[in-house]
PDB file of N, CA and C in Angstrom:
ATOM      1  N   MET A   1       7.023-102.984  22.447  1.00  0.00           N
ATOM      2  CA  MET A   1       6.710-102.290  21.329  1.00  0.00           C
ATOM      3  C   MET A   1       7.621-102.866  20.184  1.00  0.00           C
ATOM      4  N   PRO A   2       7.355-103.350  19.206  1.00  0.00           N
ATOM      5  CA  PRO A   2       8.220-103.891  18.132  1.00  0.00           C
ATOM      6  C   PRO A   2       8.872-102.815  17.290  1.00  0.00           C
ATOM      7  N   THR A   3      10.132-103.134  16.849  1.00  0.00           N
ATOM      8  CA  THR A   3      10.928-102.328  15.934  1.00  0.00           C
ATOM      9  C   THR A   3      10.657-102.765  14.531  1.00  0.00           C
ATOM     10  N   ILE A   4      10.248-101.821  13.487  1.00  0.00           N
ATOM     11  CA  ILE A   4      10.081-102.344  12.188  1.00  0.00           C
ATOM     12  C   ILE A   4      11.239-101.464  11.325  1.00  0.00           C
ATOM     13  N   ILE A   5      11.692-102.338  10.254  1.00  0.00           N
ATOM     14  CA  ILE A   5      12.526-101.844   9.412  1.00  0.00           C
ATOM     15  C   ILE A   5      11.864-101.834   8.073  1.00  0.00           C
ATOM     16  N   GLY A   6      11.816-100.766   7.268  1.00  0.00           N
ATOM     17  CA  GLY A   6      11.392-100.737   6.059  1.00  0.00           C
ATOM     18  C   GLY A   6      12.361-100.203   5.200  1.00  0.00           C
ATOM     19  N   HIS A   7      12.713-101.114   4.160  1.00  0.00           N
ATOM     20  CA  HIS A   7      13.871-100.755   3.138  1.00  0.00           C
ATOM     21  C   HIS A   7      13.315-100.641   1.770  1.00  0.00           C
ATOM     22  N   HIS A   8      13.686 -99.586   0.904  1.00  0.00           N
ATOM     23  CA  HIS A   8      13.153 -99.469  -0.307  1.00  0.00           C
ATOM     24  C   HIS A   8      14.187 -98.689  -1.144  1.00  0.00           C
ATOM     25  N   ASP A   9      13.916 -98.337  -2.413  1.00  0.00           N
ATOM     26  CA  ASP A   9      14.621 -97.544  -3.345  1.00  0.00           C
ATOM     27  C   ASP A   9      13.930 -96.219  -3.384  1.00  0.00           C
ATOM     28  N   VAL A  10      14.738 -95.135  -3.668  1.00  0.00           N
ATOM     29  CA  VAL A  10      14.078 -93.857  -3.929  1.00  0.00           C
ATOM     30  C   VAL A  10      14.693 -93.118  -5.142  1.00  0.00           C
ATOM     31  N   LYS A  11      13.954 -92.301  -5.602  1.00  0.00           N
ATOM     32  CA  LYS A  11      14.556 -91.539  -6.717  1.00  0.00           C
ATOM     33  C   LYS A  11      15.731 -90.294  -6.540  1.00  0.00           C
ATOM     34  N   ASP A  12      15.643 -89.946  -5.248  1.00  0.00           N
ATOM     35  CA  ASP A  12      16.491 -88.760  -4.916  1.00  0.00           C
ATOM     36  C   ASP A  12      16.712 -88.915  -3.325  1.00  0.00           C
ATOM     37  N   LYS A  13      17.848 -89.380  -3.044  1.00  0.00           N
ATOM     38  CA  LYS A  13      18.142 -89.548  -1.564  1.00  0.00           C
ATOM     39  C   LYS A  13      18.055 -88.343  -0.682  1.00  0.00           C
ATOM     40  N   ASP A  14      18.624 -87.215  -1.215  1.00  0.00           N
ATOM     41  CA  ASP A  14      18.519 -85.998  -0.569  1.00  0.00           C
ATOM     42  C   ASP A  14      17.237 -85.506  -0.268  1.00  0.00           C
ATOM     43  N   HIS A  15      16.313 -85.621  -1.325  1.00  0.00           N
ATOM     44  CA  HIS A  15      14.916 -85.264  -0.953  1.00  0.00           C
ATOM     45  C   HIS A  15      14.159 -86.060  -0.016  1.00  0.00           C
ATOM     46  N   TRP A  16      14.365 -87.371  -0.072  1.00  0.00           N
ATOM     47  CA  TRP A  16      13.823 -88.429   0.756  1.00  0.00           C
ATOM     48  C   TRP A  16      14.288 -88.083   2.117  1.00  0.00           C
ATOM     49  N   LEU A  17      15.461 -87.730   2.469  1.00  0.00           N
ATOM     50  CA  LEU A  17      16.012 -87.390   3.714  1.00  0.00           C
ATOM     51  C   LEU A  17      15.479 -86.199   4.284  1.00  0.00           C
ATOM     52  N   ALA A  18      15.092 -85.243   3.367  1.00  0.00           N
ATOM     53  CA  ALA A  18      14.474 -83.793   3.931  1.00  0.00           C
ATOM     54  C   ALA A  18      13.074 -83.896   4.055  1.00  0.00           C
ATOM     55  N   SER A  19      12.420 -84.889   3.678  1.00  0.00           N
ATOM     56  CA  SER A  19      11.014 -84.890   3.646  1.00  0.00           C
ATOM     57  C   SER A  19      10.416 -84.867   4.954  1.00  0.00           C
ATOM     58  N   PRO A  20       9.410 -84.164   5.169  1.00  0.00           N
ATOM     59  CA  PRO A  20       8.548 -84.135   6.442  1.00  0.00           C
ATOM     60  C   PRO A  20       7.603 -85.146   6.595  1.00  0.00           C
ATOM     61  N   LYS A  21       7.354 -85.836   5.385  1.00  0.00           N
ATOM     62  CA  LYS A  21       6.293 -86.854   5.220  1.00  0.00           C
ATOM     63  C   LYS A  21       6.260 -87.953   6.286  1.00  0.00           C
ATOM     64  N   ARG A  22       7.428 -88.481   6.619  1.00  0.00           N
ATOM     65  CA  ARG A  22       7.622 -89.629   7.503  1.00  0.00           C
ATOM     66  C   ARG A  22       6.837 -89.297   8.903  1.00  0.00           C
ATOM     67  N   GLU A  23       7.159 -88.047   9.465  1.00  0.00           N
ATOM     68  CA  GLU A  23       6.562 -87.455  10.591  1.00  0.00           C
ATOM     69  C   GLU A  23       5.064 -87.302  10.487  1.00  0.00           C
ATOM     70  N   GLU A  24       4.738 -86.811   9.438  1.00  0.00           N
ATOM     71  CA  GLU A  24       3.143 -86.442   9.089  1.00  0.00           C
ATOM     72  C   GLU A  24       2.504 -87.750   9.049  1.00  0.00           C
ATOM     73  N   VAL A  25       3.061 -88.820   8.583  1.00  0.00           N
ATOM     74  CA  VAL A  25       2.027 -90.061   8.351  1.00  0.00           C
ATOM     75  C   VAL A  25       2.221 -91.015   9.387  1.00  0.00           C
ATOM     76  N   PHE A  26       3.511 -91.189   9.971  1.00  0.00           N
ATOM     77  CA  PHE A  26       3.668 -92.042  10.996  1.00  0.00           C
ATOM     78  C   PHE A  26       3.482 -91.538  12.491  1.00  0.00           C
ATOM     79  N   GLY A  27       3.550 -90.189  12.580  1.00  0.00           N
ATOM     80  CA  GLY A  27       3.221 -89.640  13.942  1.00  0.00           C
ATOM     81  C   GLY A  27       1.749 -89.926  14.501  1.00  0.00           C
ATOM     82  N   PRO A  28       0.795 -89.725  13.627  1.00  0.00           N
ATOM     83  CA  PRO A  28      -0.598 -89.974  14.038  1.00  0.00           C
ATOM     84  C   PRO A  28      -0.910 -91.615  14.537  1.00  0.00           C
ATOM     85  N   LEU A  29       0.041 -92.398  14.066  1.00  0.00           N
ATOM     86  CA  LEU A  29      -0.065 -93.700  14.429  1.00  0.00           C
ATOM     87  C   LEU A  29       0.751 -94.233  15.662  1.00  0.00           C
ATOM     88  N   GLY A  30       1.183 -93.093  16.365  1.00  0.00           N
ATOM     89  CA  GLY A  30       2.038 -93.257  17.648  1.00  0.00           C
ATOM     90  C   GLY A  30       3.466 -93.849  17.334  1.00  0.00           C
ATOM     91  N   ILE A  31       3.804 -93.833  15.972  1.00  0.00           N
ATOM     92  CA  ILE A  31       5.152 -94.471  15.836  1.00  0.00           C
ATOM     93  C   ILE A  31       6.180 -93.438  16.190  1.00  0.00           C
ATOM     94  N   THR A  32       7.298 -93.916  16.891  1.00  0.00           N
ATOM     95  CA  THR A  32       8.360 -93.037  17.633  1.00  0.00           C
ATOM     96  C   THR A  32       9.532 -93.563  17.275  1.00  0.00           C
ATOM     97  N   ASN A  33      10.774 -92.860  17.532  1.00  0.00           N
ATOM     98  CA  ASN A  33      12.118 -93.102  17.217  1.00  0.00           C
ATOM     99  C   ASN A  33      12.556 -93.456  15.918  1.00  0.00           C
ATOM    100  N   ILE A  34      11.945 -92.626  14.928  1.00  0.00           N
ATOM    101  CA  ILE A  34      12.368 -92.976  13.510  1.00  0.00           C
ATOM    102  C   ILE A  34      13.585 -92.529  13.204  1.00  0.00           C
ATOM    103  N   ARG A  35      14.395 -93.463  12.521  1.00  0.00           N
ATOM    104  CA  ARG A  35      15.781 -93.448  12.171  1.00  0.00           C
ATOM    105  C   ARG A  35      15.816 -93.756  10.764  1.00  0.00           C
ATOM    106  N   THR A  36      16.719 -93.008   9.950  1.00  0.00           N
ATOM    107  CA  THR A  36      16.890 -93.195   8.563  1.00  0.00           C
ATOM    108  C   THR A  36      18.235 -93.690   8.313  1.00  0.00           C
ATOM    109  N   PHE A  37      18.326 -94.371   7.183  1.00  0.00           N
ATOM    110  CA  PHE A  37      19.536 -95.104   6.737  1.00  0.00           C
ATOM    111  C   PHE A  37      19.788 -95.084   5.167  1.00  0.00           C
ATOM    112  N   VAL A  38      20.850 -94.837   4.759  1.00  0.00           N
ATOM    113  CA  VAL A  38      21.220 -94.813   3.294  1.00  0.00           C
ATOM    114  C   VAL A  38      22.372 -95.756   3.149  1.00  0.00           C
ATOM    115  N   ASN A  39      22.370 -96.566   2.025  1.00  0.00           N
ATOM    116  CA  ASN A  39      23.438 -97.454   1.589  1.00  0.00           C
ATOM    117  C   ASN A  39      24.513 -96.583   1.022  1.00  0.00           C
ATOM    118  N   PRO A  40      25.628 -96.410   1.583  1.00  0.00           N
ATOM    119  CA  PRO A  40      26.702 -95.538   1.118  1.00  0.00           C
ATOM    120  C   PRO A  40      27.232 -95.996  -0.276  1.00  0.00           C
ATOM    121  N   GLU A  41      27.080 -97.276  -0.694  1.00  0.00           N
ATOM    122  CA  GLU A  41      27.595 -97.743  -2.102  1.00  0.00           C
ATOM    123  C   GLU A  41      26.409 -97.502  -3.069  1.00  0.00           C
ATOM    124  N   ASN A  42      25.191 -97.348  -2.703  1.00  0.00           N
ATOM    125  CA  ASN A  42      24.164 -97.064  -3.595  1.00  0.00           C
ATOM    126  C   ASN A  42      23.122 -96.170  -2.843  1.00  0.00           C
ATOM    127  N   PRO A  43      23.326 -94.910  -2.963  1.00  0.00           N
ATOM    128  CA  PRO A  43      22.377 -94.073  -2.203  1.00  0.00           C
ATOM    129  C   PRO A  43      20.905 -93.872  -2.498  1.00  0.00           C
ATOM    130  N   THR A  44      20.558 -94.712  -3.633  1.00  0.00           N
ATOM    131  CA  THR A  44      19.110 -94.713  -3.778  1.00  0.00           C
ATOM    132  C   THR A  44      18.582 -95.925  -3.011  1.00  0.00           C
ATOM    133  N   GLN A  45      19.250 -96.617  -2.352  1.00  0.00           N
ATOM    134  CA  GLN A  45      18.846 -97.684  -1.407  1.00  0.00           C
ATOM    135  C   GLN A  45      18.733 -97.075   0.023  1.00  0.00           C
ATOM    136  N   VAL A  46      17.498 -96.952   0.441  1.00  0.00           N
ATOM    137  CA  VAL A  46      17.358 -96.300   1.959  1.00  0.00           C
ATOM    138  C   VAL A  46      16.567 -97.196   2.913  1.00  0.00           C
ATOM    139  N   ALA A  47      16.410 -96.785   4.127  1.00  0.00           N
ATOM    140  CA  ALA A  47      15.717 -97.666   4.957  1.00  0.00           C
ATOM    141  C   ALA A  47      15.336 -96.669   6.095  1.00  0.00           C
ATOM    142  N   VAL A  48      14.240 -97.113   6.759  1.00  0.00           N
ATOM    143  CA  VAL A  48      13.689 -96.474   7.996  1.00  0.00           C
ATOM    144  C   VAL A  48      13.498 -97.584   8.995  1.00  0.00           C
ATOM    145  N   MET A  49      14.044 -97.206  10.331  1.00  0.00           N
ATOM    146  CA  MET A  49      13.702 -97.935  11.259  1.00  0.00           C
ATOM    147  C   MET A  49      12.850 -97.184  12.467  1.00  0.00           C
ATOM    148  N   MET A  50      11.872 -97.848  13.060  1.00  0.00           N
ATOM    149  CA  MET A  50      10.947 -97.004  14.013  1.00  0.00           C
ATOM    150  C   MET A  50      10.250 -98.123  14.919  1.00  0.00           C
ATOM    151  N   ASP A  51       9.834 -97.497  16.004  1.00  0.00           N
ATOM    152  CA  ASP A  51       9.187 -98.236  17.065  1.00  0.00           C
ATOM    153  C   ASP A  51       7.701 -98.168  16.788  1.00  0.00           C
ATOM    154  N   VAL A  52       7.031 -99.140  16.805  1.00  0.00           N
ATOM    155  CA  VAL A  52       5.598 -99.179  16.168  1.00  0.00           C
ATOM    156  C   VAL A  52       4.829 -99.680  17.218  1.00  0.00           C
ATOM    157  N   PRO A  53       3.805 -98.973  17.870  1.00  0.00           N
ATOM    158  CA  PRO A  53       2.962 -99.618  18.833  1.00  0.00           C
ATOM    159  C   PRO A  53       1.855-100.604  18.353  1.00  0.00           C
ATOM    160  N   ASP A  54       1.450-100.338  17.234  1.00  0.00           N
ATOM    161  CA  ASP A  54       0.425-101.207  16.577  1.00  0.00           C
ATOM    162  C   ASP A  54       0.926-101.433  15.308  1.00  0.00           C
ATOM    163  N   VAL A  55       1.199-102.813  15.043  1.00  0.00           N
ATOM    164  CA  VAL A  55       1.788-103.194  13.643  1.00  0.00           C
ATOM    165  C   VAL A  55       0.511-103.246  12.598  1.00  0.00           C
ATOM    166  N   ASP A  56      -0.464-103.934  13.167  1.00  0.00           N
ATOM    167  CA  ASP A  56      -1.662-104.030  12.436  1.00  0.00           C
ATOM    168  C   ASP A  56      -2.110-102.616  11.816  1.00  0.00           C
ATOM    169  N   ALA A  57      -2.199-101.616  12.669  1.00  0.00           N
ATOM    170  CA  ALA A  57      -2.680-100.232  12.229  1.00  0.00           C
ATOM    171  C   ALA A  57      -1.535 -99.745  11.129  1.00  0.00           C
ATOM    172  N   LEU A  58      -0.167-100.016  11.252  1.00  0.00           N
ATOM    173  CA  LEU A  58       0.780 -99.638  10.296  1.00  0.00           C
ATOM    174  C   LEU A  58       0.538-100.232   8.960  1.00  0.00           C
ATOM    175  N   MET A  59       0.177-101.687   8.983  1.00  0.00           N
ATOM    176  CA  MET A  59      -0.010-102.186   7.823  1.00  0.00           C
ATOM    177  C   MET A  59      -1.344-101.689   7.166  1.00  0.00           C
ATOM    178  N   ALA A  60      -2.283-101.419   7.834  1.00  0.00           N
ATOM    179  CA  ALA A  60      -3.618-101.099   7.373  1.00  0.00           C
ATOM    180  C   ALA A  60      -3.305 -99.630   6.611  1.00  0.00           C
ATOM    181  N   ALA A  61      -2.520 -98.789   7.277  1.00  0.00           N
ATOM    182  CA  ALA A  61      -2.285 -97.481   6.805  1.00  0.00           C
ATOM    183  C   ALA A  61      -1.400 -97.548   5.536  1.00  0.00           C
ATOM    184  N   MET A  62      -0.722 -98.573   5.359  1.00  0.00           N
ATOM    185  CA  MET A  62       0.217 -98.741   4.285  1.00  0.00           C
ATOM    186  C   MET A  62      -0.560 -98.791   3.003  1.00  0.00           C
ATOM    187  N   GLN A  63      -1.842 -99.290   3.108  1.00  0.00           N
ATOM    188  CA  GLN A  63      -2.876 -99.489   2.036  1.00  0.00           C
ATOM    189  C   GLN A  63      -3.570 -98.261   1.604  1.00  0.00           C
ATOM    190  N   ASN A  64      -3.472 -97.223   2.427  1.00  0.00           N
ATOM    191  CA  ASN A  64      -4.442 -96.173   2.250  1.00  0.00           C
ATOM    192  C   ASN A  64      -3.790 -94.951   1.187  1.00  0.00           C
ATOM    193  N   ASP A  65      -4.674 -94.090   0.683  1.00  0.00           N
ATOM    194  CA  ASP A  65      -4.112 -93.113  -0.191  1.00  0.00           C
ATOM    195  C   ASP A  65      -3.237 -92.091   0.301  1.00  0.00           C
ATOM    196  N   VAL A  66      -3.398 -91.721   1.553  1.00  0.00           N
ATOM    197  CA  VAL A  66      -2.396 -90.782   2.264  1.00  0.00           C
ATOM    198  C   VAL A  66      -0.967 -91.316   2.314  1.00  0.00           C
ATOM    199  N   MET A  67      -0.858 -92.642   2.745  1.00  0.00           N
ATOM    200  CA  MET A  67       0.462 -93.225   2.554  1.00  0.00           C
ATOM    201  C   MET A  67       0.982 -93.287   1.095  1.00  0.00           C
ATOM    202  N   GLY A  68       0.122 -93.615   0.163  1.00  0.00           N
ATOM    203  CA  GLY A  68       0.645 -93.546  -1.139  1.00  0.00           C
ATOM    204  C   GLY A  68       1.069 -92.323  -1.701  1.00  0.00           C
ATOM    205  N   GLU A  69       0.378 -91.283  -1.317  1.00  0.00           N
ATOM    206  CA  GLU A  69       0.740 -89.904  -1.600  1.00  0.00           C
ATOM    207  C   GLU A  69       2.033 -89.572  -1.142  1.00  0.00           C
ATOM    208  N   ALA A  70       2.195 -89.903   0.305  1.00  0.00           N
ATOM    209  CA  ALA A  70       3.467 -89.672   0.885  1.00  0.00           C
ATOM    210  C   ALA A  70       4.638 -90.337   0.356  1.00  0.00           C
ATOM    211  N   MET A  71       4.565 -91.567   0.006  1.00  0.00           N
ATOM    212  CA  MET A  71       5.508 -92.231  -0.868  1.00  0.00           C
ATOM    213  C   MET A  71       5.820 -91.735  -2.070  1.00  0.00           C
ATOM    214  N   ALA A  72       4.746 -91.387  -2.973  1.00  0.00           N
ATOM    215  CA  ALA A  72       4.985 -90.591  -4.230  1.00  0.00           C
ATOM    216  C   ALA A  72       5.843 -89.353  -3.935  1.00  0.00           C
ATOM    217  N   TYR A  73       5.327 -88.530  -3.051  1.00  0.00           N
ATOM    218  CA  TYR A  73       6.006 -87.011  -2.670  1.00  0.00           C
ATOM    219  C   TYR A  73       7.537 -87.460  -2.296  1.00  0.00           C
ATOM    220  N   ASP A  74       7.767 -88.522  -1.584  1.00  0.00           N
ATOM    221  CA  ASP A  74       9.177 -88.736  -1.207  1.00  0.00           C
ATOM    222  C   ASP A  74       9.998 -89.384  -2.262  1.00  0.00           C
ATOM    223  N   GLY A  75       9.456 -89.859  -3.381  1.00  0.00           N
ATOM    224  CA  GLY A  75      10.059 -90.467  -4.404  1.00  0.00           C
ATOM    225  C   GLY A  75      10.417 -91.934  -4.197  1.00  0.00           C
ATOM    226  N   VAL A  76       9.568 -92.638  -3.271  1.00  0.00           N
ATOM    227  CA  VAL A  76       9.748 -94.061  -2.956  1.00  0.00           C
ATOM    228  C   VAL A  76       9.339 -94.885  -4.241  1.00  0.00           C
ATOM    229  N   LEU A  77      10.219 -95.781  -4.618  1.00  0.00           N
ATOM    230  CA  LEU A  77       9.578 -96.827  -5.599  1.00  0.00           C
ATOM    231  C   LEU A  77       8.867 -97.790  -4.860  1.00  0.00           C
ATOM    232  N   PRO A  78       7.574 -97.969  -4.754  1.00  0.00           N
ATOM    233  CA  PRO A  78       6.785 -98.743  -3.953  1.00  0.00           C
ATOM    234  C   PRO A  78       6.944-100.283  -4.242  1.00  0.00           C
ATOM    235  N   GLU A  79       7.249-100.606  -5.410  1.00  0.00           N
ATOM    236  CA  GLU A  79       7.472-102.139  -5.916  1.00  0.00           C
ATOM    237  C   GLU A  79       8.662-102.466  -5.124  1.00  0.00           C
ATOM    238  N   THR A  80       9.643-101.630  -4.679  1.00  0.00           N
ATOM    239  CA  THR A  80      10.860-102.157  -3.858  1.00  0.00           C
ATOM    240  C   THR A  80      10.755-102.112  -2.445  1.00  0.00           C
ATOM    241  N   LEU A  81       9.687-101.773  -1.880  1.00  0.00           N
ATOM    242  CA  LEU A  81       9.461-101.888  -0.397  1.00  0.00           C
ATOM    243  C   LEU A  81       9.432-103.218   0.053  1.00  0.00           C
ATOM    244  N   VAL A  82      10.101-103.375   1.349  1.00  0.00           N
ATOM    245  CA  VAL A  82      10.219-104.545   2.064  1.00  0.00           C
ATOM    246  C   VAL A  82      10.015-103.951   3.587  1.00  0.00           C
ATOM    247  N   ILE A  83       9.116-104.508   4.252  1.00  0.00           N
ATOM    248  CA  ILE A  83       8.992-104.316   5.616  1.00  0.00           C
ATOM    249  C   ILE A  83       9.337-105.379   6.491  1.00  0.00           C
ATOM    250  N   LEU A  84      10.115-105.413   7.497  1.00  0.00           N
ATOM    251  CA  LEU A  84      10.690-106.517   8.372  1.00  0.00           C
ATOM    252  C   LEU A  84      10.344-105.953   9.795  1.00  0.00           C
ATOM    253  N   VAL A  85       9.637-106.995  10.512  1.00  0.00           N
ATOM    254  CA  VAL A  85       9.043-106.774  11.851  1.00  0.00           C
ATOM    255  C   VAL A  85       9.941-107.584  12.852  1.00  0.00           C
ATOM    256  N   GLU A  86      10.466-106.829  13.898  1.00  0.00           N
ATOM    257  CA  GLU A  86      11.421-107.452  14.876  1.00  0.00           C
ATOM    258  C   GLU A  86      10.746-108.615  15.320  1.00  0.00           C
ATOM    259  N   ALA A  87      11.643-109.750  15.301  1.00  0.00           N
ATOM    260  CA  ALA A  87      11.244-111.125  15.854  1.00  0.00           C
ATOM    261  C   ALA A  87      11.507-111.162  17.315  1.00  0.00           C
ATOM    262  N   LYS A  88      10.598-111.764  17.945  1.00  0.00           N
ATOM    263  CA  LYS A  88      10.797-112.027  19.562  1.00  0.00           C
ATOM    264  C   LYS A  88      10.727-113.573  19.630  1.00  0.00           C
ATOM    265  N   PRO A  89      11.795-113.964  20.228  1.00  0.00           N
ATOM    266  CA  PRO A  89      11.774-115.515  20.447  1.00  0.00           C
ATOM    267  C   PRO A  89      10.783-115.795  21.405  1.00  0.00           C
TER     268      PRO A  89
END
């Protein structure tokens, strides 16, 4: 199961950290072990790391309205989103 890192900017770090939306949108995809990170020098830069059983399903979900609404609720600036997939040699 690959690990995915998604990093992006947010409007309000505290709101983003407290949000239930990650579990709500990623849970049904079977995504587990969700961890959050904050840049201590610039707290508007954040990241999530998670174990993803189906990367294609995640990428498809990233295009739907539910994910867009969750990102808007969380204050994510979508134009800053970068998704990295664990590389397996």
